[in-house]
Amino acid sequence: MKKNMAELIGTFALVLFGCGAAVISGVSPSGPSGIGLLGIAFAFGLAVVAMAYAIGPISGCHINPAITIAMMVAGKTTTKDGIGYIISQFIGALLGALALKIIANGKPDFTMQEWALGSNGWGDGYGGAYSMTSAFITETVLTFLFLMVIFGSTAKNASPAMAGLAIGITLVLIHLVAIPITGTSVNPARSFGPAVLAGGKALSQLWLFMIAPVLGGLIAALFWKGVFEKA
């Protein structure tokens, strides 16, 4: 229960800090303002760093179903723990998005537009209007690289004190590339919370952000286990 609660709180914080930075501080109706793309990227990355040191000793700080599934496949997380983690992550993400919606509603001119609350998406009207193929490849490849960093920085011969920082910085780099394409998911729970409350196109496109990150994580788990752990 402590592990599951830690995952819930960590995912709640990730969505509130990351998506909150995009919704509240990132842009305005007149165009880019405030912290901008770089600031949003750092908000997500720093949220992971903070949570890694806060709940890492309790649950390992997955706060991402793609990570949990990859860890299960790699034999680093039990199925029992993994299922509990994933359920807690989705609940935490939904609560984080709900908290963000309540806060944002306090602004007089706030409206729930398409892809609201920092939802992920693609195509006409979203970011750089990239295609579905570009979105799928981006999410799969970047999640693969994200998991490779996670496996490497948490390996037995790695420095455990630096793992949270390495993982957080990697997430910043991922956002710098993917924000114009998909808004950056690499995390099904992070996409789930905002999309459920936003509805519309965000919800109809959610499937990609459930499948692509998990696929990227699975490839990374099999690659790491089959190549590096056998080396």
Protein backbone atom coordinates (compact mmCIF):
# COMPACT_ATOMS: atom_id res chain seq x y z
CA MET A 1 0.00 0.00 0.00
CA LYS A 2 2.85 2.41 0.77
CA LYS A 3 4.42 1.72 -2.62
CA ASN A 4 1.13 2.24 -4.44
CA MET A 5 0.43 5.46 -2.56
CA ALA A 6 3.92 6.71 -3.41
CA GLU A 7 3.28 6.03 -7.11
CA LEU A 8 -0.08 7.80 -6.93
CA ILE A 9 1.43 10.89 -5.31
CA GLY A 10 4.40 10.91 -7.69
CA THR A 11 2.23 10.71 -10.81
CA PHE A 12 -0.13 13.33 -9.37
CA ALA A 13 2.83 15.66 -8.93
CA LEU A 14 4.20 14.97 -12.41
CA VAL A 15 0.90 15.89 -14.09
CA LEU A 16 0.24 18.89 -11.87
CA PHE A 17 3.75 20.33 -12.23
CA GLY A 18 4.35 19.44 -15.87
CA CYS A 19 0.93 20.03 -17.40
CA GLY A 20 0.37 22.89 -14.96
CA ALA A 21 3.46 24.63 -16.28
CA ALA A 22 2.11 24.30 -19.83
CA VAL A 23 -1.44 25.42 -19.01
CA ILE A 24 -0.75 28.18 -16.48
CA SER A 25 2.73 29.48 -17.27
CA GLY A 26 3.54 28.30 -20.79
CA VAL A 27 1.30 30.05 -23.30
CA SER A 28 -1.39 32.70 -23.57
CA PRO A 29 -4.14 33.34 -26.16
CA SER A 30 -1.87 35.85 -27.88
CA GLY A 31 0.99 33.38 -28.33
CA PRO A 32 4.06 32.07 -26.49
CA SER A 33 4.70 33.76 -23.18
CA GLY A 34 5.98 33.03 -19.71
CA ILE A 35 8.26 30.02 -19.43
CA GLY A 36 7.74 28.78 -23.01
CA LEU A 37 8.83 25.43 -24.43
CA LEU A 38 12.13 25.30 -22.54
CA GLY A 39 10.42 26.06 -19.25
CA ILE A 40 7.77 23.38 -19.80
CA ALA A 41 10.47 20.84 -20.63
CA PHE A 42 12.30 21.64 -17.41
CA ALA A 43 9.06 21.51 -15.41
CA PHE A 44 8.48 17.89 -16.41
CA GLY A 45 12.12 16.95 -15.92
CA LEU A 46 12.47 18.64 -12.54
CA ALA A 47 9.21 17.07 -11.37
CA VAL A 48 10.75 13.65 -12.03
CA VAL A 49 13.96 14.63 -10.23
CA ALA A 50 12.02 15.85 -7.20
CA MET A 51 9.83 12.75 -7.05
CA ALA A 52 12.79 10.42 -7.61
CA TYR A 53 14.37 11.62 -4.39
CA ALA A 54 11.04 11.91 -2.56
CA ILE A 55 9.48 8.51 -3.31
CA GLY A 56 12.34 6.65 -4.98
CA PRO A 57 13.35 4.92 -1.73
CA ILE A 58 9.74 3.74 -1.29
CA SER A 59 8.59 2.56 -4.72
CA GLY A 60 11.47 3.24 -7.11
CA CYS A 61 9.55 6.20 -8.55
CA HIS A 62 8.24 4.69 -11.77
CA ILE A 63 5.27 7.13 -12.05
CA ASN A 64 4.83 5.82 -15.60
CA PRO A 65 3.10 2.59 -16.75
CA ALA A 66 5.57 2.23 -19.63
CA ILE A 67 8.41 2.11 -17.11
CA THR A 68 6.57 -0.32 -14.84
CA ILE A 69 5.74 -2.69 -17.70
CA ALA A 70 9.33 -2.55 -18.94
CA MET A 71 10.62 -3.30 -15.43
CA MET A 72 8.23 -6.25 -15.18
CA VAL A 73 9.46 -7.67 -18.49
CA ALA A 74 13.08 -7.15 -17.44
CA GLY A 75 12.41 -9.00 -14.19
CA LYS A 76 13.10 -5.99 -11.98
CA THR A 77 9.52 -5.58 -10.69
CA THR A 78 7.09 -8.29 -9.63
CA THR A 79 3.74 -8.67 -11.40
CA LYS A 80 1.91 -8.02 -8.13
CA ASP A 81 3.75 -4.75 -7.53
CA GLY A 82 3.50 -3.79 -11.18
CA ILE A 83 -0.28 -4.08 -11.38
CA GLY A 84 -0.68 -2.03 -8.21
CA TYR A 85 1.74 0.58 -9.53
CA ILE A 86 -0.08 0.96 -12.85
CA ILE A 87 -3.51 1.36 -11.26
CA SER A 88 -2.10 3.93 -8.82
CA GLN A 89 -0.37 5.83 -11.63
CA PHE A 90 -3.57 6.22 -13.63
CA ILE A 91 -5.49 7.35 -10.56
CA GLY A 92 -2.74 9.83 -9.64
CA ALA A 93 -2.66 11.25 -13.17
CA LEU A 94 -6.44 11.72 -13.21
CA LEU A 95 -6.37 13.44 -9.83
CA GLY A 96 -3.49 15.66 -10.97
CA ALA A 97 -5.43 16.71 -14.07
CA LEU A 98 -8.53 17.33 -11.96
CA ALA A 99 -6.58 19.53 -9.55
CA LEU A 100 -5.15 21.45 -12.52
CA LYS A 101 -8.62 21.96 -13.99
CA ILE A 102 -9.97 23.28 -10.69
CA ILE A 103 -7.05 25.69 -10.36
CA ALA A 104 -7.25 26.86 -13.99
CA ASN A 105 -10.99 27.46 -13.66
CA GLY A 106 -10.14 30.21 -11.19
CA LYS A 107 -8.92 32.37 -14.09
CA PRO A 108 -11.83 34.46 -15.45
CA ASP A 109 -11.13 33.80 -19.14
CA PHE A 110 -10.22 30.11 -18.85
CA THR A 111 -11.98 27.82 -21.34
CA MET A 112 -11.60 24.10 -22.01
CA GLN A 113 -10.45 24.15 -25.64
CA GLU A 114 -9.36 21.22 -27.80
CA TRP A 115 -6.50 19.27 -26.21
CA ALA A 116 -7.04 21.14 -22.94
CA LEU A 117 -5.06 20.70 -19.72
CA GLY A 118 -1.82 19.88 -21.53
CA SER A 119 -3.27 16.91 -23.41
CA ASN A 120 -1.16 15.09 -25.95
CA GLY A 121 -2.14 14.94 -29.61
CA TRP A 122 -1.12 15.32 -33.24
CA GLY A 123 -2.39 16.57 -36.60
CA ASP A 124 -4.11 19.73 -37.75
CA GLY A 125 -4.61 22.20 -34.94
CA TYR A 126 -2.05 20.63 -32.63
CA GLY A 127 1.51 21.94 -32.26
CA GLY A 128 3.39 21.66 -35.53
CA ALA A 129 0.57 19.61 -37.14
CA TYR A 130 2.78 16.52 -37.42
CA SER A 131 1.27 13.31 -38.81
CA MET A 132 0.10 10.31 -36.83
CA THR A 133 3.10 8.35 -38.13
CA SER A 134 5.51 11.00 -36.87
CA ALA A 135 3.74 11.01 -33.52
CA PHE A 136 3.89 7.22 -33.16
CA ILE A 137 7.55 6.98 -34.14
CA THR A 138 8.47 9.88 -31.84
CA GLU A 139 6.75 8.38 -28.81
CA THR A 140 8.11 4.88 -29.43
CA VAL A 141 11.73 5.90 -30.07
CA LEU A 142 11.94 8.48 -27.30
CA THR A 143 10.42 6.08 -24.76
CA PHE A 144 12.96 3.46 -25.83
CA LEU A 145 15.81 5.92 -25.20
CA PHE A 146 14.23 7.03 -21.92
CA LEU A 147 14.13 3.44 -20.66
CA MET A 148 17.70 2.82 -21.77
CA VAL A 149 18.81 5.69 -19.55
CA ILE A 150 16.66 4.38 -16.70
CA PHE A 151 18.07 0.85 -16.96
CA GLY A 152 21.62 2.18 -17.21
CA SER A 153 21.40 4.69 -14.37
CA THR A 154 19.79 2.16 -12.01
CA ALA A 155 22.08 -0.77 -12.87
CA LYS A 156 24.08 -2.46 -10.13
CA ASN A 157 27.36 -0.79 -11.08
CA ALA A 158 25.80 2.68 -11.50
CA SER A 159 25.80 5.51 -8.96
CA PRO A 160 22.36 5.40 -7.31
CA ALA A 161 22.62 8.98 -6.05
CA MET A 162 22.79 10.27 -9.63
CA ALA A 163 19.98 8.20 -11.12
CA GLY A 164 17.19 10.68 -10.42
CA LEU A 165 19.15 13.54 -11.94
CA ALA A 166 20.11 11.57 -15.06
CA ILE A 167 16.53 10.44 -15.62
CA GLY A 168 15.11 13.92 -15.08
CA ILE A 169 17.59 15.56 -17.46
CA THR A 170 16.78 12.93 -20.09
CA LEU A 171 13.09 13.78 -19.77
CA VAL A 172 13.95 17.46 -20.34
CA LEU A 173 15.78 16.53 -23.56
CA ILE A 174 12.85 14.38 -24.68
CA HIS A 175 10.43 17.26 -24.19
CA LEU A 176 12.66 19.66 -26.13
CA VAL A 177 12.26 17.41 -29.16
CA ALA A 178 8.71 16.12 -28.78
CA ILE A 179 6.65 19.08 -27.51
CA PRO A 180 6.01 20.46 -31.03
CA ILE A 181 5.14 16.97 -32.29
CA THR A 182 2.91 15.40 -29.61
CA GLY A 183 3.22 17.62 -26.55
CA THR A 184 5.40 14.78 -25.23
CA SER A 185 3.91 11.79 -23.50
CA VAL A 186 6.34 8.83 -23.17
CA ASN A 187 3.95 8.03 -20.31
CA PRO A 188 0.43 6.58 -20.77
CA ALA A 189 -0.76 7.81 -17.35
CA ARG A 190 0.42 11.39 -18.02
CA SER A 191 -1.65 11.33 -21.24
CA PHE A 192 -4.66 9.62 -19.66
CA GLY A 193 -5.44 12.17 -16.94
CA PRO A 194 -5.70 15.31 -19.09
CA ALA A 195 -7.36 13.48 -22.03
CA VAL A 196 -10.18 12.05 -19.93
CA LEU A 197 -11.11 15.51 -18.64
CA ALA A 198 -10.50 17.29 -21.97
CA GLY A 199 -12.53 14.83 -24.04
CA GLY A 200 -12.92 15.45 -27.78
CA LYS A 201 -9.83 14.98 -29.93
CA ALA A 202 -7.57 14.48 -26.93
CA LEU A 203 -9.59 11.47 -25.83
CA SER A 204 -9.98 10.08 -29.37
CA GLN A 205 -6.19 10.21 -29.87
CA LEU A 206 -5.33 8.75 -26.48
CA TRP A 207 -4.84 5.26 -27.92
CA LEU A 208 -1.52 6.25 -29.50
CA PHE A 209 -0.13 7.45 -26.18
CA MET A 210 -1.21 4.21 -24.51
CA ILE A 211 0.42 1.98 -27.13
CA ALA A 212 3.56 3.73 -28.44
CA PRO A 213 5.27 4.40 -25.07
CA VAL A 214 4.59 0.84 -23.90
CA LEU A 215 5.99 -0.51 -27.16
CA GLY A 216 9.12 1.62 -26.79
CA GLY A 217 9.53 0.46 -23.20
CA LEU A 218 9.12 -3.20 -24.13
CA ILE A 219 11.75 -2.93 -26.87
CA ALA A 220 14.14 -1.28 -24.41
CA ALA A 221 13.53 -3.98 -21.78
CA LEU A 222 14.16 -6.81 -24.22
CA PHE A 223 17.21 -5.06 -25.69
CA TRP A 224 18.74 -4.31 -22.29
CA LYS A 225 18.08 -7.80 -20.96
CA GLY A 226 19.22 -9.55 -24.13
CA VAL A 227 22.27 -7.45 -24.99
CA PHE A 228 23.72 -5.55 -22.03
CA GLU A 229 22.83 -7.84 -19.12
CA LYS A 230 24.23 -10.80 -21.05
CA ALA A 231 27.38 -8.93 -22.04
